Amino acid sequence: MKYIDFNENEIQDFCKEAAKNVKDLRIKKGVKQIDLAVAININSTGSYSDYENNKQNKSLV
């Protein structure tokens, strides 16, 4: 696997864009935050909301 060097700003920008894409797709599909949170084993809409709004430091993987 090739190592790719990203600076902190590039990583933050990537995370913001990924979170926005997840939120946009969830809304487009008409899925509630709680339903998606439960589907991916997050048991709190508050925690899920933090991920979706890029306010959570913990990785989803």
Protein backbone atom coordinates (compact mmCIF):
# COMPACT_ATOMS: atom_id res chain seq x y z
CA MET A 1 0.00 0.00 0.00
CA LYS A 2 1.30 3.43 -0.94
CA TYR A 3 1.73 6.03 1.83
CA ILE A 4 0.17 9.39 0.98
CA ASP A 5 1.17 12.44 2.97
CA PHE A 6 -1.69 14.84 3.82
CA ASN A 7 -1.41 17.90 6.01
CA GLU A 8 -3.87 18.58 8.83
CA ASN A 9 -5.93 21.07 6.78
CA GLU A 10 -6.32 18.60 3.92
CA ILE A 11 -7.50 15.92 6.34
CA GLN A 12 -9.99 18.29 7.98
CA ASP A 13 -11.31 19.39 4.57
CA PHE A 14 -11.70 15.77 3.50
CA CYS A 15 -13.60 14.89 6.70
CA LYS A 16 -15.92 17.91 6.30
CA GLU A 17 -16.70 16.97 2.72
CA ALA A 18 -17.30 13.30 3.60
CA ALA A 19 -19.62 14.29 6.47
CA LYS A 20 -21.53 16.65 4.15
CA ASN A 21 -21.91 13.91 1.53
CA VAL A 22 -23.27 11.45 4.12
CA LYS A 23 -25.76 14.04 5.42
CA ASP A 24 -26.88 15.03 1.91
CA LEU A 25 -27.39 11.42 0.87
CA ARG A 26 -29.27 10.57 4.10
CA ILE A 27 -31.62 13.51 3.55
CA LYS A 28 -32.06 12.69 -0.16
CA LYS A 29 -33.03 9.12 0.75
CA GLY A 30 -35.43 10.33 3.47
CA VAL A 31 -33.62 8.47 6.26
CA LYS A 32 -33.83 9.79 9.82
CA GLN A 33 -30.63 10.28 11.79
CA ILE A 34 -31.71 7.74 14.42
CA ASP A 35 -32.37 5.07 11.79
CA LEU A 36 -28.97 5.49 10.17
CA ALA A 37 -27.26 5.74 13.56
CA VAL A 38 -28.76 2.42 14.68
CA ALA A 39 -27.92 0.80 11.33
CA ILE A 40 -24.22 1.61 11.82
CA ASN A 41 -24.17 0.76 15.55
CA ILE A 42 -24.21 4.28 16.96
CA ASN A 43 -26.77 4.27 19.76
CA SER A 44 -27.25 8.02 20.11
CA THR A 45 -28.57 10.58 17.66
CA GLY A 46 -26.38 13.15 19.42
CA SER A 47 -23.24 11.15 18.68
CA TYR A 48 -24.36 10.49 15.11
CA SER A 49 -25.14 14.19 14.65
CA ASP A 50 -21.62 15.03 15.81
CA TYR A 51 -20.18 12.72 13.14
CA GLU A 52 -22.48 14.12 10.47
CA ASN A 53 -21.53 17.69 11.37
CA ASN A 54 -17.83 16.84 11.66
CA LYS A 55 -17.70 17.62 15.37
CA GLN A 56 -16.56 14.15 16.46
CA ASN A 57 -12.88 13.19 16.55
CA LYS A 58 -13.46 9.43 16.83
CA SER A 59 -13.16 7.46 13.62
CA LEU A 60 -16.19 5.61 12.27
CA VAL A 61 -13.97 2.75 11.13
